[in-house]
Amino acid sequence: MGPRWRWRSRVAAFATAGALAAATALAAAPAAAQPVSAQDQAAAQALFDEARALATAGKHAEACPKLEESYRLDPAIGTQYYLAECLEGLGRTASAWTLYLQVGDLAAAAGQSARASHARQRAESIAPSLVRLSIRVPDALRSVRDLRVERDGSLVGPPQWGVAVPVDPGRHTIVVTASGKKPWRHEVDASAPGTTVAVDVPPLEEAPGAPATAVGAPPLAPAPRPAASPAEGAAPMSTQRVLGIVVGGAGLAAAAVGAGFGVHAMAKRDASNDGHCDAQDYCDAEGLGLREQSLGAARVSTIAFVGAGLALAGGAVLFFTAPSGERAAPQVGVSLGPLGASVRGRF
């Protein structure tokens, strides 16, 4: 074995700093995007305490709205869990099931394995008793112009047609509308646990005064409309907000770069320990080279994560402090790539 030299480095320190910077950047992003004031936190805590007392007393109808408001003011995982528990006590099984699944995912991502496991177990226990509702639209109606299907006032898009969707037990109202057709309205009782209720939408009747359409003929195309001027349409996103999205997107990209270099640093560190460096950090020539590469990658990872945190915070500040009345001529879309580095928005 060749000569070995003592390696004194800060690879572990850089890797630790990189991990802390990553956690800070990821935690700071939603905090900057959704700032919670001390007053809102105080109100959320007061509502939470009162709701928990009401739920313990079995008064779920009073407790659930308070938990919903507490979560709106300060969206904490614990509040979301107790809201799911409250909704379950109120008999709104589909809403509770959905929230339990969300809590399970959020808690797992936050490293709260016990809470994640418990929430998922609660979701699994509810699943067999879920009531499902399927709205079936016949093929003859699917090509009708402007066909719109609603369930309890919410849009049911074509991908949901014919799918048994979990709903809270009770009566549900189905409304179907289309241009030139009479609206169709139907109420259905979906209350029996573990059952699936199917609703078949019938052919829609022609509205009085609407031109008749021959059977099998394609629907009439709407008359072309003149292009709306900027004053008539929605106001374009302000330049400051577009800049905020761009800066935030750059922060996400930097976080991805930092994660990649962090993994590379640890890999080089592990390779150096595989027969090239001992427990006292004495290394041969190849081990020293691997440690140098690990240190360089760790430095880049730390710098990238620090830059990501600053960019995410700066982008959030730019976006949420932009004047609402500011208008900008350019309309910009930003897409920096997959795996968290893409940016979406309405412009």
Foldseek 3Di string as FASTA:
>chain_A
DDFWAFDDDCLVVLLVLLVVLQVLLVVVLVCLQPPADPVLQVQLVVLQVVLVVCVVVLNLVVNLVSLVSSCVRPVDLVSLLVNLVSCVSVQFLQSSLVSLCVSLVVCVVVVNNVSNVVSNVVSVVSVQFFFWEAEAEDPQCVQAAPKWKDKQRHTDDPVRHRPTHTGRFAKIKIWIDGPQFDIDIDIDGGHGTNYYHYHYDDDTHGDPPRDDDDVPDHDDDDDDDDDDDCVPDDFADAPLLVVLLVLLLLLQVLLVLLVVLSVVLVVLQVVLPPPAADPSRIGDPVSVVSNVSSNVSSNSSSVSSNSSSVSSSVSSCSNVVDDPPHGDDDHDAFQQDDDRSGTDDDD
